[in-house]
Amino acid sequence: MRDSAAPTYVGLDIGTSAVRCVVGARDVSDPANISVIGHGCSSNQGMRKGVVMHIEDAAEAIIQAITEAERISGVQIHQATVNVNGGHVTGINSRGVIAISSPNREISVETASVSKRRPPLLSCRLTAKSCKCLPKITGSMVRIT
């Protein structure tokens, strides 16, 4: 097994025909780069057109891809960034406003933190389920008049 103190990055792509897992770590010679240290791939018989049809088969494909990536990388995988795609997955961009009450009109770390915690006001279909809201604050969105 590799040094467990060194941070690793794991990506898991759950596709209709295959599940792929990749493990990366900071390059020792150039810490700005991430090197692939392991990968795994398994055929996925549990999905059709991006939708889980047979959960046992899909779960087995995920386990096989992760197990292969662990074996090749020498790293035990506990968490991953997961990609799931399909016609049922959608994203909505939304803009919000937050009052800046400081006299110098600066956006403090606290103000940014509050805006990240505030849930967005969205209108969506009644059948839609929201799994995760990902806030993004960019300089181009800040307008002070």
C-alpha atoms as a PDB file:
ATOM      1  CA  MET A   1       0.000   0.000   0.000  1.00  0.00           C
ATOM      2  CA  ARG A   2       1.063   3.596  -0.674  1.00  0.00           C
ATOM      3  CA  ASP A   3       1.661   6.289   1.945  1.00  0.00           C
ATOM      4  CA  SER A   4      -1.795   6.792   3.460  1.00  0.00           C
ATOM      5  CA  ALA A   5      -0.930  10.360   4.546  1.00  0.00           C
ATOM      6  CA  ALA A   6      -0.507  11.544   0.939  1.00  0.00           C
ATOM      7  CA  PRO A   7      -3.792  12.915  -0.434  1.00  0.00           C
ATOM      8  CA  THR A   8      -5.351  11.074  -3.346  1.00  0.00           C
ATOM      9  CA  TYR A   9      -8.110  12.072  -5.734  1.00  0.00           C
ATOM     10  CA  VAL A  10     -10.638   9.545  -6.987  1.00  0.00           C
ATOM     11  CA  GLY A  11     -13.077   9.920  -9.859  1.00  0.00           C
ATOM     12  CA  LEU A  12     -15.850   7.417 -10.515  1.00  0.00           C
ATOM     13  CA  ASP A  13     -17.785   7.524 -13.807  1.00  0.00           C
ATOM     14  CA  ILE A  14     -20.962   5.450 -13.758  1.00  0.00           C
ATOM     15  CA  GLY A  15     -21.910   5.004 -17.382  1.00  0.00           C
ATOM     16  CA  THR A  16     -24.566   2.991 -19.153  1.00  0.00           C
ATOM     17  CA  SER A  17     -22.119   0.457 -20.581  1.00  0.00           C
ATOM     18  CA  ALA A  18     -19.150   0.712 -18.183  1.00  0.00           C
ATOM     19  CA  VAL A  19     -18.056   1.978 -14.786  1.00  0.00           C
ATOM     20  CA  ARG A  20     -14.627   3.607 -14.686  1.00  0.00           C
ATOM     21  CA  CYS A  21     -12.587   4.599 -11.656  1.00  0.00           C
ATOM     22  CA  VAL A  22      -9.376   6.632 -11.696  1.00  0.00           C
ATOM     23  CA  VAL A  23      -7.038   7.418  -8.795  1.00  0.00           C
ATOM     24  CA  GLY A  24      -4.678  10.388  -8.877  1.00  0.00           C
ATOM     25  CA  ALA A  25      -2.016  11.814  -6.580  1.00  0.00           C
ATOM     26  CA  ARG A  26       0.190  14.904  -6.590  1.00  0.00           C
ATOM     27  CA  ASP A  27       3.292  14.392  -8.725  1.00  0.00           C
ATOM     28  CA  VAL A  28       6.384  14.273  -6.483  1.00  0.00           C
ATOM     29  CA  SER A  29       8.579  16.034  -9.052  1.00  0.00           C
ATOM     30  CA  ASP A  30       5.952  18.708  -9.852  1.00  0.00           C
ATOM     31  CA  PRO A  31       3.335  19.225  -7.089  1.00  0.00           C
ATOM     32  CA  ALA A  32       1.242  21.404  -9.424  1.00  0.00           C
ATOM     33  CA  ASN A  33       0.407  18.288 -11.473  1.00  0.00           C
ATOM     34  CA  ILE A  34      -1.653  15.242 -10.584  1.00  0.00           C
ATOM     35  CA  SER A  35      -0.487  11.859 -11.835  1.00  0.00           C
ATOM     36  CA  VAL A  36      -2.751   8.878 -12.441  1.00  0.00           C
ATOM     37  CA  ILE A  37      -1.613   6.113 -10.092  1.00  0.00           C
ATOM     38  CA  GLY A  38      -4.426   3.635 -10.668  1.00  0.00           C
ATOM     39  CA  HIS A  39      -7.535   2.883 -12.685  1.00  0.00           C
ATOM     40  CA  GLY A  40     -10.302   0.349 -12.929  1.00  0.00           C
ATOM     41  CA  CYS A  41     -12.989  -0.460 -15.475  1.00  0.00           C
ATOM     42  CA  SER A  42     -15.926  -2.839 -15.362  1.00  0.00           C
ATOM     43  CA  SER A  43     -18.754  -3.653 -17.754  1.00  0.00           C
ATOM     44  CA  ASN A  44     -22.082  -2.308 -16.481  1.00  0.00           C
ATOM     45  CA  GLN A  45     -25.073  -4.543 -17.212  1.00  0.00           C
ATOM     46  CA  GLY A  46     -27.335  -2.817 -14.674  1.00  0.00           C
ATOM     47  CA  MET A  47     -28.194   0.362 -16.572  1.00  0.00           C
ATOM     48  CA  ARG A  48     -30.133   1.280 -19.703  1.00  0.00           C
ATOM     49  CA  LYS A  49     -29.948   4.770 -21.237  1.00  0.00           C
ATOM     50  CA  GLY A  50     -28.479   6.233 -18.049  1.00  0.00           C
ATOM     51  CA  VAL A  51     -31.140   4.780 -15.734  1.00  0.00           C
ATOM     52  CA  VAL A  52     -30.522   1.998 -13.190  1.00  0.00           C
ATOM     53  CA  MET A  53     -32.569  -1.037 -14.199  1.00  0.00           C
ATOM     54  CA  HIS A  54     -30.872  -3.774 -12.132  1.00  0.00           C
ATOM     55  CA  ILE A  55     -29.355  -2.301  -8.985  1.00  0.00           C
ATOM     56  CA  GLU A  56     -27.422  -5.455  -8.051  1.00  0.00           C
ATOM     57  CA  ASP A  57     -25.637  -5.524 -11.428  1.00  0.00           C
ATOM     58  CA  ALA A  58     -24.870  -1.794 -11.274  1.00  0.00           C
ATOM     59  CA  ALA A  59     -23.524  -2.106  -7.712  1.00  0.00           C
ATOM     60  CA  GLU A  60     -21.340  -5.068  -8.710  1.00  0.00           C
ATOM     61  CA  ALA A  61     -19.873  -3.090 -11.627  1.00  0.00           C
ATOM     62  CA  ILE A  62     -19.030  -0.207  -9.272  1.00  0.00           C
ATOM     63  CA  ILE A  63     -17.398  -2.572  -6.752  1.00  0.00           C
ATOM     64  CA  GLN A  64     -15.319  -4.251  -9.484  1.00  0.00           C
ATOM     65  CA  ALA A  65     -14.059  -0.929 -10.918  1.00  0.00           C
ATOM     66  CA  ILE A  66     -13.134   0.400  -7.466  1.00  0.00           C
ATOM     67  CA  THR A  67     -11.459  -2.873  -6.437  1.00  0.00           C
ATOM     68  CA  GLU A  68      -9.324  -2.866  -9.591  1.00  0.00           C
ATOM     69  CA  ALA A  69      -8.344   0.792  -9.051  1.00  0.00           C
ATOM     70  CA  GLU A  70      -7.408   0.031  -5.426  1.00  0.00           C
ATOM     71  CA  ARG A  71      -5.291  -2.954  -6.485  1.00  0.00           C
ATOM     72  CA  ILE A  72      -3.396  -1.018  -9.163  1.00  0.00           C
ATOM     73  CA  SER A  73      -2.901   2.167  -7.112  1.00  0.00           C
ATOM     74  CA  GLY A  74      -2.189   0.533  -3.765  1.00  0.00           C
ATOM     75  CA  VAL A  75      -4.641   2.971  -2.159  1.00  0.00           C
ATOM     76  CA  GLN A  76      -7.763   2.124  -0.196  1.00  0.00           C
ATOM     77  CA  ILE A  77     -10.649   4.188  -1.592  1.00  0.00           C
ATOM     78  CA  HIS A  78     -13.035   5.732   0.952  1.00  0.00           C
ATOM     79  CA  GLN A  79     -14.535   8.583  -1.079  1.00  0.00           C
ATOM     80  CA  ALA A  80     -14.780   9.715  -4.678  1.00  0.00           C
ATOM     81  CA  THR A  81     -16.139  12.365  -6.970  1.00  0.00           C
ATOM     82  CA  VAL A  82     -18.923  10.611  -8.855  1.00  0.00           C
ATOM     83  CA  ASN A  83     -20.218  11.385 -12.346  1.00  0.00           C
ATOM     84  CA  VAL A  84     -23.698  10.208 -13.271  1.00  0.00           C
ATOM     85  CA  ASN A  85     -25.198  11.238 -16.574  1.00  0.00           C
ATOM     86  CA  GLY A  86     -28.480  10.731 -18.367  1.00  0.00           C
ATOM     87  CA  GLY A  87     -31.587  12.437 -19.647  1.00  0.00           C
ATOM     88  CA  HIS A  88     -32.988  12.557 -16.117  1.00  0.00           C
ATOM     89  CA  VAL A  89     -30.040  14.615 -14.788  1.00  0.00           C
ATOM     90  CA  THR A  90     -30.334  18.363 -15.253  1.00  0.00           C
ATOM     91  CA  GLY A  91     -28.692  21.491 -13.962  1.00  0.00           C
ATOM     92  CA  ILE A  92     -30.130  24.912 -13.291  1.00  0.00           C
ATOM     93  CA  ASN A  93     -28.142  28.129 -13.096  1.00  0.00           C
ATOM     94  CA  SER A  94     -29.578  30.638 -10.670  1.00  0.00           C
ATOM     95  CA  ARG A  95     -28.480  34.063  -9.477  1.00  0.00           C
ATOM     96  CA  GLY A  96     -29.041  35.468  -6.039  1.00  0.00           C
ATOM     97  CA  VAL A  97     -28.502  38.737  -4.220  1.00  0.00           C
ATOM     98  CA  ILE A  98     -27.098  39.367  -0.776  1.00  0.00           C
ATOM     99  CA  ALA A  99     -26.944  42.688   1.036  1.00  0.00           C
ATOM    100  CA  ILE A 100     -23.481  44.063   1.814  1.00  0.00           C
ATOM    101  CA  SER A 101     -23.821  46.000   5.039  1.00  0.00           C
ATOM    102  CA  SER A 102     -20.219  46.993   5.690  1.00  0.00           C
ATOM    103  CA  PRO A 103     -19.499  50.740   5.388  1.00  0.00           C
ATOM    104  CA  ASN A 104     -16.606  50.192   2.956  1.00  0.00           C
ATOM    105  CA  ARG A 105     -18.816  47.974   0.737  1.00  0.00           C
ATOM    106  CA  GLU A 106     -16.325  45.107   0.794  1.00  0.00           C
ATOM    107  CA  ILE A 107     -17.364  41.496   0.523  1.00  0.00           C
ATOM    108  CA  SER A 108     -15.915  39.771   3.558  1.00  0.00           C
ATOM    109  CA  VAL A 109     -15.242  36.065   3.999  1.00  0.00           C
ATOM    110  CA  GLU A 110     -18.222  35.997   6.375  1.00  0.00           C
ATOM    111  CA  THR A 111     -20.540  37.535   3.747  1.00  0.00           C
ATOM    112  CA  ALA A 112     -19.408  35.011   1.148  1.00  0.00           C
ATOM    113  CA  SER A 113     -19.926  32.194   3.658  1.00  0.00           C
ATOM    114  CA  VAL A 114     -23.497  33.348   4.392  1.00  0.00           C
ATOM    115  CA  SER A 115     -24.332  33.481   0.685  1.00  0.00           C
ATOM    116  CA  LYS A 116     -23.053  29.928   0.194  1.00  0.00           C
ATOM    117  CA  ARG A 117     -25.256  28.608   3.009  1.00  0.00           C
ATOM    118  CA  ARG A 118     -28.428  30.370   1.833  1.00  0.00           C
ATOM    119  CA  PRO A 119     -30.574  28.041  -0.286  1.00  0.00           C
ATOM    120  CA  PRO A 120     -31.354  29.317  -3.789  1.00  0.00           C
ATOM    121  CA  LEU A 121     -34.902  30.201  -4.758  1.00  0.00           C
ATOM    122  CA  LEU A 122     -35.682  28.042  -7.760  1.00  0.00           C
ATOM    123  CA  SER A 123     -38.819  27.169  -9.621  1.00  0.00           C
ATOM    124  CA  CYS A 124     -38.831  23.632 -10.971  1.00  0.00           C
ATOM    125  CA  ARG A 125     -41.139  20.786 -11.870  1.00  0.00           C
ATOM    126  CA  LEU A 126     -43.056  19.238  -8.981  1.00  0.00           C
ATOM    127  CA  THR A 127     -41.610  15.817  -9.827  1.00  0.00           C
ATOM    128  CA  ALA A 128     -37.996  17.008  -9.768  1.00  0.00           C
ATOM    129  CA  LYS A 129     -35.779  16.084  -6.839  1.00  0.00           C
ATOM    130  CA  SER A 130     -32.919  18.352  -5.814  1.00  0.00           C
ATOM    131  CA  CYS A 131     -29.863  16.401  -4.741  1.00  0.00           C
ATOM    132  CA  LYS A 132     -27.253  19.103  -4.385  1.00  0.00           C
ATOM    133  CA  CYS A 133     -27.013  22.859  -4.791  1.00  0.00           C
ATOM    134  CA  LEU A 134     -23.521  23.968  -5.749  1.00  0.00           C
ATOM    135  CA  PRO A 135     -22.935  27.647  -5.023  1.00  0.00           C
ATOM    136  CA  LYS A 136     -20.434  29.598  -7.058  1.00  0.00           C
ATOM    137  CA  ILE A 137     -19.332  33.120  -6.345  1.00  0.00           C
ATOM    138  CA  THR A 138     -17.389  34.870  -9.040  1.00  0.00           C
ATOM    139  CA  GLY A 139     -16.102  38.395  -9.341  1.00  0.00           C
ATOM    140  CA  SER A 140     -18.097  38.923 -12.510  1.00  0.00           C
ATOM    141  CA  MET A 141     -21.332  38.447 -10.559  1.00  0.00           C
ATOM    142  CA  VAL A 142     -20.570  41.150  -8.022  1.00  0.00           C
ATOM    143  CA  ARG A 143     -22.101  44.499  -8.930  1.00  0.00           C
ATOM    144  CA  ILE A 144     -21.928  47.443  -6.559  1.00  0.00           C
ATOM    145  CA  THR A 145     -23.927  50.515  -7.542  1.00  0.00           C
END
